[in-house]
Protein backbone atom coordinates (compact mmCIF):
# COMPACT_ATOMS: atom_id res chain seq x y z
CA MET A 1 -0.29 49.77 24.71
CA ALA A 2 -0.14 50.57 28.40
CA ALA A 3 3.14 51.95 28.75
CA ALA A 4 6.67 50.25 30.70
CA SER A 5 4.17 48.45 33.89
CA THR A 6 5.30 49.93 37.59
CA GLU A 7 6.84 47.63 39.63
CA ILE A 8 4.60 47.63 43.43
CA PRO A 9 7.59 45.66 45.57
CA ASP A 10 5.31 46.94 48.87
CA GLY A 11 1.70 46.46 46.92
CA PRO A 12 -1.15 49.45 47.61
CA GLY A 13 1.07 50.98 50.60
CA ASP A 14 3.12 52.96 47.32
CA LYS A 15 0.05 53.49 44.83
CA ASP A 16 -3.44 53.40 45.26
CA LEU A 17 -4.69 49.98 42.72
CA LEU A 18 -8.39 51.24 43.06
CA ALA A 19 -8.20 54.50 41.52
CA PRO A 20 -9.78 55.14 38.10
CA GLY A 21 -7.22 54.18 35.14
CA ILE A 22 -5.12 51.83 36.73
CA HIS A 23 -5.03 48.68 35.04
CA ALA A 24 -2.84 46.15 36.73
CA ALA A 25 -1.69 43.63 36.71
CA TYR A 26 -1.76 40.51 40.03
CA PHE A 27 0.60 37.96 39.23
CA PHE A 28 -0.54 35.23 42.00
CA ASP A 29 1.21 31.64 42.93
CA SER A 30 -1.17 30.05 45.29
CA HIS A 31 -4.69 30.53 46.08
CA ALA A 32 -4.42 31.59 49.11
CA GLU A 33 -2.28 34.74 48.43
CA LYS A 34 -5.01 34.90 45.38
CA GLN A 35 -8.10 35.64 47.97
CA GLN A 36 -5.81 37.92 50.28
CA LYS A 37 -5.15 40.36 48.23
CA LEU A 38 -8.35 39.77 45.81
CA PHE A 39 -10.59 39.98 48.70
CA SER A 40 -9.26 42.34 50.51
CA LEU A 41 -9.40 45.04 47.69
CA CYS A 42 -12.77 43.81 47.51
CA ARG A 43 -13.66 45.48 50.57
CA GLU A 44 -11.38 48.63 50.29
CA ALA A 45 -13.62 49.54 46.96
CA VAL A 46 -16.92 48.89 48.62
CA ASP A 47 -16.50 50.15 51.37
CA GLU A 48 -13.59 52.57 51.00
CA LYS A 49 -14.55 54.14 47.78
CA ASN A 50 -18.03 53.55 47.49
CA ALA A 51 -17.54 52.07 44.18
CA SER A 52 -19.44 49.12 42.02
CA LEU A 53 -18.13 45.76 42.28
CA ILE A 54 -17.67 43.31 39.85
CA TYR A 55 -15.71 40.02 40.16
CA VAL A 56 -15.06 37.85 37.41
CA ALA A 57 -14.55 34.62 38.91
CA GLY A 58 -11.82 31.63 37.45
CA LYS A 59 -12.03 27.92 38.21
CA GLN A 60 -13.71 28.00 41.49
CA GLY A 61 -16.82 29.34 39.95
CA VAL A 62 -19.27 32.10 41.04
CA LYS A 63 -20.59 29.83 44.22
CA GLY A 64 -16.92 29.21 45.41
CA ILE A 65 -16.31 32.87 45.19
CA ARG A 66 -19.42 34.24 46.81
CA LEU A 67 -18.45 31.41 49.69
CA SER A 68 -15.50 32.13 50.43
CA LEU A 69 -15.87 36.21 50.89
CA LYS A 70 -19.07 35.13 53.03
CA ASP A 71 -16.47 33.16 54.97
CA THR A 72 -14.47 36.53 55.72
CA GLY A 73 -17.59 37.52 57.18
CA PHE A 74 -17.51 39.45 53.64
CA ASP A 75 -21.39 40.19 52.93
CA VAL A 76 -22.20 39.83 49.05
CA ALA A 77 -26.26 39.71 49.72
CA ALA A 78 -26.05 43.18 51.17
CA TYR A 79 -24.20 44.59 48.43
CA GLU A 80 -25.64 42.47 46.01
CA LYS A 81 -29.30 43.86 47.07
CA LYS A 82 -27.29 47.54 46.97
CA GLN A 83 -26.71 46.47 43.59
CA GLN A 84 -22.91 47.65 44.55
CA MET A 85 -21.41 44.15 43.79
CA LYS A 86 -21.71 41.87 40.60
CA ILE A 87 -19.89 37.88 40.84
CA ALA A 88 -19.75 37.05 36.72
CA ASP A 89 -18.05 33.37 35.72
CA SER A 90 -14.77 34.33 33.24
CA GLU A 91 -16.56 32.03 31.14
CA GLU A 92 -19.51 33.72 30.45
CA PHE A 93 -18.14 37.55 31.02
CA PHE A 94 -15.45 36.63 28.41
CA LEU A 95 -16.60 33.86 25.98
CA SER A 96 -19.48 32.98 23.36
CA SER A 97 -22.18 30.53 24.29
CA GLY A 98 -22.56 27.33 22.99
CA ARG A 99 -20.83 23.94 21.75
CA GLN A 100 -18.17 26.20 20.13
CA GLN A 101 -16.62 29.00 22.67
CA THR A 102 -14.43 31.69 21.50
CA PHE A 103 -13.34 34.29 23.04
CA LEU A 104 -15.98 37.33 22.38
CA PRO A 105 -14.35 40.49 20.20
CA VAL A 106 -13.03 42.75 22.41
CA GLN A 107 -15.44 45.60 21.05
CA ASP A 108 -18.65 43.85 22.63
CA ILE A 109 -16.44 43.31 25.95
CA ILE A 110 -15.50 46.87 26.21
CA GLU A 111 -19.23 47.68 25.32
CA LYS A 112 -20.24 45.65 28.40
CA ILE A 113 -17.98 47.05 30.71
CA THR A 114 -18.74 50.37 29.59
CA GLY A 115 -22.22 49.61 29.56
CA TYR A 116 -21.27 48.49 33.59
CA GLU A 117 -19.80 52.12 34.24
CA LYS A 118 -23.31 53.66 33.09
CA GLU A 119 -25.09 51.81 35.32
CA ALA A 120 -22.85 52.48 38.42
CA SER A 121 -22.85 55.89 37.79
CA LYS A 122 -26.41 56.32 37.95
CA LEU A 123 -26.34 54.49 40.71
CA GLY A 124 -24.18 57.07 42.78
CA PHE A 125 -21.22 55.07 42.52
CA SER A 126 -17.78 56.35 42.59
CA GLY A 127 -16.67 54.99 39.45
CA LEU A 128 -16.09 50.92 38.99
CA VAL A 129 -14.08 48.16 40.02
CA ILE A 130 -13.61 45.04 37.90
CA LEU A 131 -11.22 42.05 39.48
CA CYS A 132 -10.62 39.62 36.65
CA GLU A 133 -10.10 36.25 37.37
CA THR A 134 -7.77 34.75 34.30
CA ASP A 135 -7.19 30.90 35.64
CA MET A 136 -9.87 29.43 33.78
CA LEU A 137 -9.32 31.57 30.46
CA VAL A 138 -5.76 30.58 30.79
CA ARG A 139 -6.13 26.57 31.24
CA LYS A 140 -9.02 26.34 28.87
CA GLY A 141 -7.16 28.08 26.03
CA TYR A 142 -7.92 31.80 25.88
CA LEU A 143 -4.97 33.51 27.01
CA GLN A 144 -4.22 35.28 22.71
CA GLY A 145 -7.55 36.72 24.01
CA TYR A 146 -7.07 37.78 27.04
CA LYS A 147 -4.16 39.74 25.96
CA GLU A 148 -6.09 41.43 23.22
CA PHE A 149 -8.92 42.22 25.73
CA ASP A 150 -5.66 43.43 27.92
CA LYS A 151 -4.26 45.96 25.17
CA SER A 152 -7.57 47.44 23.53
CA ILE A 153 -8.92 47.89 27.19
CA GLY A 154 -5.85 49.95 28.52
CA THR A 155 -6.26 52.31 25.66
CA LEU A 156 -9.87 53.00 27.37
CA LEU A 157 -9.43 53.14 30.83
CA PRO A 158 -7.35 56.65 31.91
CA LYS A 159 -10.09 57.76 30.22
CA SER A 160 -13.05 56.04 32.30
CA HIS A 161 -13.84 55.59 36.34
CA ILE A 162 -12.78 52.32 35.39
CA THR A 163 -10.09 50.36 37.88
CA LEU A 164 -9.28 46.82 36.06
CA LEU A 165 -6.97 44.34 37.74
CA CYS A 166 -6.65 41.17 35.96
CA ALA A 167 -5.43 38.12 38.47
CA PHE A 168 -2.87 35.67 37.11
CA ASP A 169 -2.31 32.59 38.45
CA SER A 170 1.81 32.26 37.85
CA ARG A 171 1.99 28.15 37.46
CA GLU A 172 -1.40 28.35 35.09
CA LEU A 173 0.91 30.57 33.35
CA THR A 174 4.27 28.54 32.99
CA ALA A 175 1.93 25.38 32.41
CA ARG A 176 0.66 26.38 29.33
CA GLY A 177 4.61 27.80 28.22
CA VAL A 178 4.55 31.96 30.10
CA PRO A 179 8.05 31.02 31.79
CA ASN A 180 8.22 34.68 32.42
CA PRO A 181 4.15 35.80 32.63
CA GLU A 182 5.63 38.96 34.43
CA SER A 183 7.64 40.29 31.55
CA GLU A 184 5.26 38.50 29.24
CA ILE A 185 2.10 39.90 30.13
CA GLY A 186 3.25 42.99 32.49
CA PRO A 187 3.60 45.36 30.09
CA LEU A 188 -0.21 45.00 28.93
CA HIS A 189 -0.95 47.16 31.89
CA SER A 190 -0.07 50.17 33.80
CA VAL A 191 0.67 48.28 36.82
CA ILE A 192 2.59 45.39 37.58
CA VAL A 193 1.39 44.04 41.77
C-alpha cells in the first residue's frame, strides 16, 4: 500500500503527475471534467515527456475515446503508427474473456504492464504512462479487484519508469456504496489529484 496520499489542490502545476513512479487517483464528477484532465495529460505524455501511452477506456469505449481525442485535435493514428500510443478497453485489460468474466489475477496484469514498459524502452520512449478509466469496472462490480490491483501496483511503480493515473467517477463510486471515495480509495495511491 502506498504511503498517505498528498492532495494536490491546484493540479499538475504543483507536482509532475507524469513523473515515473507516480500512482495517482483522479476523482471527477462529470464527463467533460474527466476528458479535459485526461486528454491534456495524453498530450503532455506523448509530446513533452516522449512517453509511451496506454489509455484504458471505460464506458465510452475505445472508439469513443479515439473520436473524442480526435475532436480535440489529437492525432491518435499518428501516435499509434509510431507505436507510442495504444487505446485499450478496460474489460479486455483487466478481465478474463468468456461468458463468466472475472478480474484477472493481479500478477497477470502487472506482468502485462511490465511487458508494455519493456517494449516502450526498446522503442526509445522515456517511460510508460497509463491513464486508466475505472467507471466500467466499478459499474460491473469489480471495484474490489481493482483495489487489490492498486495495492499491488503501488509497490512496483516507485522502482519503474511507469506512471499510473487511475480515473474514478465519484458518481459511480457513490452509487456503488462508496460514500467518501477519496478517503477509501485515495490512500491506495501516492497522489490524489
